[in-house]
Protein backbone atom coordinates (compact mmCIF):
# COMPACT_ATOMS: atom_id res chain seq x y z
CA MET A 1 37.98 102.29 -23.68
CA PRO A 2 36.76 98.79 -24.57
CA GLN A 3 33.94 97.44 -22.39
CA THR A 4 34.44 94.13 -20.55
CA ASN A 5 31.84 91.45 -21.64
CA MET A 6 30.25 89.86 -18.51
CA LEU A 7 27.15 88.24 -20.12
CA VAL A 8 26.55 84.53 -19.48
CA THR A 9 25.29 82.48 -22.44
CA GLN A 10 21.49 82.09 -22.11
CA GLU A 11 20.89 78.36 -22.57
CA PRO A 12 18.22 76.19 -20.93
CA VAL A 13 19.34 74.95 -17.50
CA PRO A 14 19.01 71.21 -17.08
CA GLN A 15 16.83 69.94 -14.23
CA SER A 16 19.72 68.05 -12.63
CA VAL A 17 21.67 71.23 -12.07
CA LYS A 18 21.92 72.14 -8.41
CA SER A 19 21.18 75.58 -7.08
CA SER A 20 24.73 75.97 -5.87
CA ASP A 21 25.93 75.53 -9.43
CA LEU A 22 23.97 78.60 -10.47
CA VAL A 23 25.96 81.06 -8.38
CA PRO A 24 27.45 83.46 -10.90
CA LYS A 25 31.16 83.49 -11.13
CA VAL A 26 33.03 86.73 -11.03
CA PRO A 27 34.76 87.21 -14.38
CA GLU A 28 38.38 87.93 -14.37
CA VAL A 29 39.24 91.56 -15.13
CA GLU A 30 42.16 92.30 -17.32
CA HIS A 31 44.47 94.67 -15.58
CA ASN A 32 45.64 96.62 -18.62
CA THR A 33 46.37 100.18 -17.72
CA GLU A 34 48.25 101.24 -20.75
CA HIS A 35 45.32 103.08 -22.51
CA TYR A 36 43.27 104.31 -19.51
CA GLY A 37 43.51 107.36 -17.45
CA SER A 38 43.60 107.46 -13.68
CA SER A 39 39.81 108.28 -13.29
CA GLU A 40 38.73 105.57 -15.64
CA LEU A 41 40.92 103.08 -13.83
CA ALA A 42 39.23 103.92 -10.53
CA MET A 43 35.69 103.13 -11.94
CA ALA A 44 36.66 99.92 -13.76
CA GLY A 45 36.37 97.69 -10.67
CA PHE A 46 32.75 98.74 -9.94
CA ARG A 47 31.58 98.07 -13.50
CA SER A 48 33.18 94.61 -13.85
CA ALA A 49 31.75 93.16 -10.56
CA LYS A 50 28.03 93.73 -11.46
CA TYR A 51 25.46 91.35 -13.08
CA LEU A 52 23.25 92.45 -15.93
CA THR A 53 19.45 92.76 -15.49
CA GLU A 54 18.86 89.92 -17.90
CA GLU A 55 21.12 87.74 -15.80
CA TRP A 56 19.13 88.59 -12.69
CA TYR A 57 15.83 87.55 -14.30
CA GLN A 58 17.37 84.44 -15.71
CA ASN A 59 18.65 83.42 -12.29
CA ASN A 60 15.19 83.88 -10.73
CA ASN A 61 13.57 81.78 -13.44
CA ILE A 62 16.09 79.02 -12.88
CA ARG A 63 15.36 78.97 -9.15
CA CYS A 64 11.59 78.72 -9.69
CA HIS A 65 11.94 76.02 -12.31
CA GLN A 66 14.19 74.03 -9.98
CA ALA A 67 11.65 74.25 -7.13
CA PHE A 68 8.81 73.08 -9.41
CA THR A 69 10.91 70.16 -10.65
CA ASP A 70 11.87 69.07 -7.13
CA CYS A 71 8.23 69.12 -5.97
CA ASP A 72 7.09 67.11 -8.94
CA GLN A 73 9.81 64.49 -8.42
CA SER A 74 9.04 64.24 -4.71
CA GLU A 75 5.32 63.65 -5.39
CA CYS A 76 6.14 60.92 -7.92
CA ASN A 77 8.45 59.31 -5.41
CA ARG A 78 5.71 59.30 -2.74
CA GLN A 79 3.24 57.66 -5.05
CA GLU A 80 5.73 55.01 -6.09
CA SER A 81 6.63 54.36 -2.43
CA LYS A 82 2.98 53.73 -1.47
CA HIS A 83 2.50 51.42 -4.44
CA LEU A 84 5.70 49.51 -3.64
CA ALA A 85 4.79 49.19 0.07
CA ALA A 86 1.41 47.73 -0.84
CA GLU A 87 2.95 45.27 -3.28
CA THR A 88 5.64 44.12 -0.82
CA LYS A 89 3.05 43.71 1.95
CA ALA A 90 0.90 41.47 -0.23
CA LEU A 91 3.95 39.52 -1.39
CA SER A 92 5.18 38.98 2.18
CA GLN A 93 1.72 37.78 3.23
CA ARG A 94 1.57 35.29 0.36
CA THR A 95 5.13 34.14 1.11
CA GLN A 96 4.37 33.72 4.82
CA GLN A 97 1.26 31.67 4.08
CA ASP A 98 3.18 29.41 1.72
CA THR A 99 6.01 29.10 4.27
CA ASN A 100 3.56 28.21 7.05
CA LYS A 101 2.11 25.50 4.82
CA LYS A 102 5.57 24.08 4.04
CA VAL A 103 6.62 24.25 7.69
CA GLY A 104 3.45 22.45 8.73
CA GLU A 105 4.07 19.68 6.21
CA ARG A 106 7.69 19.46 7.32
CA LEU A 107 6.61 19.38 10.96
CA GLN A 108 4.43 16.36 10.29
CA ASP A 109 7.40 14.62 8.64
CA VAL A 110 9.62 15.55 11.58
CA HIS A 111 7.10 14.17 14.09
CA PHE A 112 6.90 10.92 12.14
CA TRP A 113 10.64 10.48 11.90
CA LYS A 114 11.05 11.62 15.48
CA SER A 115 8.85 8.76 16.66
CA GLU A 116 10.78 6.34 14.43
CA LEU A 117 14.10 7.64 15.67
CA GLN A 118 12.95 7.59 19.27
CA ARG A 119 12.02 3.94 18.97
CA GLU A 120 15.33 3.12 17.34
CA ILE A 121 17.18 5.17 19.96
CA GLU A 122 15.56 3.22 22.77
CA ASP A 123 16.45 -0.09 21.13
CA LEU A 124 19.91 1.14 20.34
CA MET A 125 20.53 2.47 23.85
CA ALA A 126 19.46 -0.87 25.29
CA GLU A 127 21.85 -2.68 22.95
CA THR A 128 24.58 -0.14 23.77
CA ASP A 129 24.11 -0.82 27.48
CA LEU A 130 24.54 -4.54 26.82
CA LEU A 131 27.65 -3.82 24.77
CA ILE A 132 29.04 -1.59 27.51
CA ALA A 133 28.49 -4.43 29.99
CA GLN A 134 30.44 -6.72 27.64
CA LYS A 135 33.13 -4.05 27.43
CA LEU A 136 33.40 -4.01 31.22
CA ARG A 137 33.58 -7.79 31.25
CA LEU A 138 36.24 -7.73 28.56
CA GLN A 139 38.24 -5.12 30.49
CA ARG A 140 38.05 -7.24 33.63
CA ALA A 141 39.26 -10.27 31.70
CA LEU A 142 42.13 -8.21 30.29
CA ASP A 143 43.05 -7.01 33.78
CA ALA A 144 42.86 -10.60 35.04
CA THR A 145 45.53 -11.69 32.53
CA GLU A 146 48.07 -9.40 34.18
CA VAL A 147 48.34 -11.76 37.17
CA PRO A 148 49.16 -14.93 35.18
CA PHE A 149 51.54 -12.95 32.96
CA SER A 150 53.39 -11.57 36.00
CA ILE A 151 53.43 -15.08 37.48
CA SER A 152 54.94 -16.54 34.31
CA MET A 153 57.56 -13.80 34.03
CA ASP A 154 58.39 -14.12 37.74
CA ASN A 155 58.76 -17.87 37.33
CA LEU A 156 61.11 -17.37 34.40
CA GLN A 157 63.15 -14.78 36.31
CA CYS A 158 63.32 -16.98 39.40
CA ARG A 159 64.50 -19.93 37.34
CA GLU A 160 67.26 -17.74 35.90
CA ARG A 161 68.78 -17.83 39.39
CA ARG A 162 69.36 -21.55 39.10
CA GLN A 163 73.02 -22.47 39.23
CA PRO A 164 74.89 -24.44 36.60
CA PRO A 165 74.39 -27.15 35.52
CA ASP A 166 70.71 -26.92 36.57
CA ARG A 167 70.27 -23.79 34.43
CA VAL A 168 68.91 -25.73 31.50
CA LYS A 169 66.14 -25.10 28.99
CA ASP A 170 63.94 -27.88 30.32
CA VAL A 171 60.29 -28.72 29.76
CA VAL A 172 59.22 -26.37 32.55
CA GLU A 173 60.89 -23.40 30.91
CA MET A 174 59.45 -24.29 27.51
CA GLU A 175 55.95 -24.50 28.99
CA LEU A 176 56.48 -21.20 30.83
CA LEU A 177 57.59 -19.50 27.62
CA LYS A 178 54.60 -20.99 25.84
CA GLU A 179 52.34 -19.74 28.61
CA ALA A 180 53.79 -16.22 28.49
CA GLU A 181 53.41 -16.12 24.70
CA LEU A 182 49.82 -17.38 24.96
CA ILE A 183 48.98 -14.72 27.56
CA ARG A 184 50.47 -12.00 25.36
CA ASN A 185 48.44 -13.22 22.40
CA VAL A 186 45.28 -13.31 24.50
CA GLN A 187 45.99 -9.77 25.74
CA GLU A 188 46.45 -8.51 22.20
CA LEU A 189 43.21 -10.19 21.14
CA LEU A 190 41.30 -8.69 24.06
CA LYS A 191 42.77 -5.26 23.36
CA ARG A 192 41.76 -5.42 19.71
CA THR A 193 38.26 -6.52 20.72
CA LEU A 194 38.07 -3.65 23.21
CA MET A 195 39.03 -1.22 20.45
CA GLN A 196 36.34 -2.74 18.24
CA ILE A 197 33.80 -2.22 21.04
CA VAL A 198 34.88 1.42 21.45
CA ASN A 199 34.50 1.99 17.71
CA GLN A 200 31.13 0.23 17.73
CA ILE A 201 29.80 2.43 20.58
CA SER A 202 30.96 5.53 18.77
CA ALA A 203 29.22 4.38 15.58
CA SER A 204 26.00 3.77 17.55
CA THR A 205 25.77 7.25 19.07
CA PRO A 206 22.52 8.87 17.89
CA GLU A 207 24.17 12.32 17.75
CA MET A 208 26.49 11.06 14.98
CA TRP A 209 23.70 10.01 12.61
CA GLY A 210 23.52 11.60 9.20
CA LYS A 211 20.98 14.09 7.90
CA TYR A 212 18.69 11.50 6.29
CA CYS A 213 16.37 9.91 8.78
CA GLN A 214 15.72 6.78 6.80
CA GLU A 215 19.43 6.12 6.51
CA ASN A 216 19.81 6.67 10.24
CA VAL A 217 17.12 4.12 11.02
CA CYS A 218 18.71 1.55 8.70
CA ARG A 219 22.13 2.31 10.10
CA ALA A 220 20.85 1.93 13.65
CA GLN A 221 19.38 -1.44 12.78
CA ARG A 222 22.65 -2.53 11.18
CA GLU A 223 24.65 -1.31 14.16
CA LYS A 224 22.29 -3.07 16.54
CA THR A 225 22.78 -6.31 14.64
CA ALA A 226 26.53 -5.72 14.57
CA SER A 227 26.48 -5.13 18.33
CA VAL A 228 24.65 -8.40 18.93
CA ASN A 229 27.15 -10.26 16.76
CA LEU A 230 30.02 -8.52 18.52
CA ARG A 231 28.70 -9.58 21.93
CA LEU A 232 28.50 -13.18 20.72
CA LEU A 233 32.05 -12.88 19.40
CA ILE A 234 33.20 -11.51 22.77
CA ASP A 235 31.61 -14.47 24.56
CA ASN A 236 33.43 -16.89 22.26
CA ILE A 237 36.73 -15.02 22.63
CA LEU A 238 36.52 -14.94 26.42
CA ASN A 239 35.49 -18.57 26.70
CA ASP A 240 38.18 -19.80 24.30
CA SER A 241 40.94 -17.64 25.74
CA SER A 242 40.10 -18.57 29.34
CA LYS A 243 40.05 -22.27 28.43
CA ASP A 244 43.38 -21.96 26.61
CA LEU A 245 44.92 -20.18 29.57
CA CYS A 246 43.62 -22.76 32.05
CA VAL A 247 44.83 -25.65 29.89
CA GLN A 248 48.26 -24.05 29.60
CA CYS A 249 48.29 -23.36 33.34
CA ASP A 250 47.61 -27.03 34.02
CA ALA A 251 50.37 -27.99 31.56
CA VAL A 252 52.83 -25.69 33.33
CA ASN A 253 51.84 -26.99 36.75
CA LEU A 254 52.25 -30.58 35.54
CA ALA A 255 55.65 -29.73 34.06
CA PHE A 256 56.64 -28.11 37.34
CA SER A 257 55.55 -31.19 39.29
CA ARG A 258 57.43 -33.56 37.01
CA GLY A 259 60.47 -31.30 36.96
CA CYS A 260 60.52 -31.07 40.74
CA GLN A 261 60.18 -34.84 40.99
CA GLU A 262 63.11 -35.30 38.62
CA ILE A 263 65.20 -32.84 40.61
CA GLU A 264 64.18 -34.63 43.83
CA ASN A 265 65.20 -38.00 42.39
CA ALA A 266 68.52 -36.58 41.19
CA LYS A 267 69.13 -35.03 44.59
CA ASN A 268 68.36 -38.30 46.38
CA ASN A 269 70.70 -40.16 44.04
CA LEU A 270 73.44 -37.59 44.69
CA GLU A 271 72.90 -37.85 48.44
CA HIS A 272 73.14 -41.66 48.23
CA HIS A 273 76.47 -41.41 46.41
CA LEU A 274 77.62 -38.73 48.85
CA ARG A 275 77.00 -41.08 51.75
CA LYS A 276 79.00 -43.78 49.98
CA ILE A 277 81.79 -41.26 49.28
CA LEU A 278 81.84 -40.19 52.93
CA ARG A 279 82.09 -43.83 54.07
CA GLU A 280 84.82 -44.46 51.52
CA ILE A 281 86.68 -41.36 52.69
CA THR A 282 86.55 -42.64 56.26
CA ASP A 283 87.77 -46.06 55.17
CA GLN A 284 90.50 -44.53 53.03
CA GLU A 285 91.67 -42.33 55.87
CA ASN A 286 91.89 -45.45 58.09
CA ASN A 287 93.76 -47.24 55.30
CA ILE A 288 96.23 -44.37 55.01
CA SER A 289 96.75 -44.44 58.75
CA SER A 290 97.38 -48.20 58.56
CA LEU A 291 99.86 -47.75 55.71
CA LYS A 292 101.72 -45.07 57.57
CA GLN A 293 101.86 -47.30 60.62
CA ALA A 294 103.09 -50.25 58.51
CA ILE A 295 105.83 -48.09 57.01
CA LYS A 296 106.78 -46.93 60.47
CA ASP A 297 106.79 -50.50 61.69
CA LYS A 298 109.23 -51.44 58.89
CA GLU A 299 111.69 -48.69 59.69
CA ALA A 300 112.97 -50.19 63.02
CA PRO A 301 113.72 -53.70 61.59
CA LEU A 302 115.40 -52.02 58.61
CA ARG A 303 117.68 -50.03 60.88
CA VAL A 304 118.47 -53.17 62.89
CA ALA A 305 119.33 -55.13 59.74
CA GLU A 306 121.41 -52.28 58.35
CA THR A 307 123.26 -51.96 61.69
CA ARG A 308 124.02 -55.69 61.71
CA LEU A 309 125.37 -55.53 58.17
CA TYR A 310 127.54 -52.60 59.09
CA GLN A 311 128.85 -54.25 62.19
CA ARG A 312 129.59 -57.54 60.32
CA SER A 313 131.45 -55.53 57.75
CA GLN A 314 133.95 -54.71 60.51
CA ARG A 315 135.01 -58.35 60.91
CA PRO A 316 138.80 -58.87 60.44
CA ASN A 317 140.57 -60.91 57.79
CA VAL A 318 139.08 -64.24 56.88
CA ASP A 319 136.04 -63.81 59.12
CA LEU A 320 134.78 -61.15 56.69
CA CYS A 321 133.01 -63.57 54.38
CA ARG A 322 129.57 -63.99 52.76
CA ASP A 323 128.16 -66.61 55.00
CA ASN A 324 124.52 -67.55 55.28
CA ALA A 325 123.95 -64.95 58.00
CA GLN A 326 125.49 -62.26 55.79
CA ILE A 327 123.38 -63.32 52.84
CA ARG A 328 120.22 -63.42 54.95
CA LEU A 329 120.89 -59.98 56.45
CA ALA A 330 121.38 -58.55 52.97
CA SER A 331 118.20 -60.15 51.69
CA GLU A 332 116.36 -58.90 54.80
CA VAL A 333 117.50 -55.34 54.15
CA GLU A 334 116.44 -55.65 50.50
CA GLU A 335 113.06 -57.11 51.43
CA LEU A 336 112.43 -54.42 54.02
CA THR A 337 113.47 -51.72 51.55
CA MET A 338 111.19 -53.14 48.86
CA SER A 339 108.32 -53.44 51.37
CA ILE A 340 108.72 -49.85 52.52
CA LYS A 341 108.90 -48.69 48.89
CA ALA A 342 105.76 -50.62 48.00
CA LEU A 343 103.97 -49.30 51.09
CA LYS A 344 104.95 -45.74 50.25
CA GLU A 345 103.73 -46.15 46.67
CA LYS A 346 100.48 -47.54 47.97
CA LEU A 347 100.31 -44.67 50.47
CA MET A 348 100.70 -42.19 47.63
CA GLU A 349 97.98 -43.95 45.67
CA SER A 350 95.73 -43.94 48.73
CA GLU A 351 96.36 -40.27 49.39
CA HIS A 352 95.62 -39.47 45.73
CA ALA A 353 92.44 -41.54 45.95
CA LEU A 354 91.49 -39.70 49.14
CA LYS A 355 92.05 -36.40 47.41
CA ASN A 356 89.83 -37.54 44.53
CA LEU A 357 87.20 -38.67 47.00
CA GLU A 358 87.27 -35.31 48.76
CA GLY A 359 87.01 -33.51 45.43
CA THR A 360 84.03 -35.70 44.48
CA GLN A 361 82.54 -34.98 47.90
CA MET A 362 82.74 -31.23 47.25
CA ILE A 363 81.23 -31.68 43.79
CA LEU A 364 78.40 -33.81 45.14
CA GLU A 365 77.71 -31.37 47.97
CA LYS A 366 77.66 -28.49 45.48
CA GLU A 367 75.33 -30.42 43.18
CA ILE A 368 73.04 -31.22 46.10
CA SER A 369 73.05 -27.54 47.07
CA ILE A 370 72.19 -26.64 43.45
CA LYS A 371 69.34 -29.16 43.46
CA ASN A 372 68.03 -27.74 46.74
CA ASN A 373 68.19 -24.25 45.24
CA SER A 374 66.34 -25.44 42.14
CA LEU A 375 63.69 -27.13 44.27
CA PHE A 376 63.31 -23.98 46.37
CA ILE A 377 62.85 -21.86 43.23
CA ASP A 378 60.39 -24.23 41.55
CA ARG A 379 58.40 -25.29 44.61
CA GLN A 380 58.60 -22.45 47.08
CA LYS A 381 58.78 -19.56 44.63
CA CYS A 382 57.22 -20.52 41.32
CA MET A 383 54.55 -23.03 42.36
CA THR A 384 53.57 -20.96 45.39
CA HIS A 385 53.22 -17.93 43.15
CA ARG A 386 51.18 -19.93 40.67
CA SER A 387 48.63 -20.64 43.39
CA ARG A 388 47.45 -17.04 42.76
CA TYR A 389 46.51 -17.91 39.17
CA PRO A 390 43.04 -16.42 38.48
CA THR A 391 40.03 -18.66 38.20
CA ILE A 392 38.18 -19.29 34.95
CA LEU A 393 35.35 -17.00 36.10
CA ARG A 394 37.76 -14.13 36.52
CA LEU A 395 39.45 -14.86 33.21
CA THR A 396 36.08 -14.67 31.49
CA GLY A 397 35.44 -11.27 33.09
CA TYR A 398 32.66 -12.19 35.51
CA GLN A 399 34.65 -11.17 38.62
């Protein structure tokens, strides 16, 4: 029966081999039962599962060699660790000393620039406070323009309620439009200046300075100068705008006064003509009454003359002739007829004239009512409202 070979090749074991790798593996046993008897088959399992003596010694040697190697490596590692710890300690001490030196030098620079920045901050904060005061003054001036603007717009809206033909684009309306446009321009200018102030105060905030101290100091000085110039500009803007508004206010008030005087003169003239019309209407009514009475007075003589002619036409035979009496009666009837016709024509003319006079009376009364309405709007509404126009101190932002 052939013997199963279970020897492991005896080669040097490398130091990196772990102990667990040295556990002997059980060789596979061929299960060939063709040439063995039953007794030999029963002993085959015991023989194949055993190590050889040489393998046992070899395994012990490997274990001892591995232990020696591990101890030697551990001792080398401890020595290297001590050496490395000493080197890193010395390096950290040198690094810390150099860092302390650099930090000290940097601290001196920081203290120097801190004092410089502190001085600039104090100057800048003082200038910022002045600029904020100008901002408040500018805001007050902007708020003060709301009153004159509302006055101008109210005046324009009130004058829109004038009745034709007084709803004209006169000097007063032109001045009011000019005033409203001027106020809008002043408001836009003040708003732009306010925005410039807001941007200036943001640029002057110390927290927004850059990382270079020298640049911050120079920037602060530039911003301080810009703030001073901006305050001077604000003074000029407020003074000029308030003067312009006051001049325009005076121009509007003067136009209102002249316009009211013109309306008053026109109203007085209309009232004078209305009085004449009323007197003429009274006289014309009396004239019409007289004409009607004259026509009535002519009707009785006409009937008498016509009756006489009729009765004389009843004369018999030769007595029915055109004698002087007949001729005179005929001419009387003709004269009376012509007189009545002329009186009636004159009556019609007088009644037409009276109707024209009454129509003119209504027109004049309506015109006078329109003038009174215009005077009420200009004097009682507009000019009274304009008495609330802000003073020059308020327009310049001091109140």
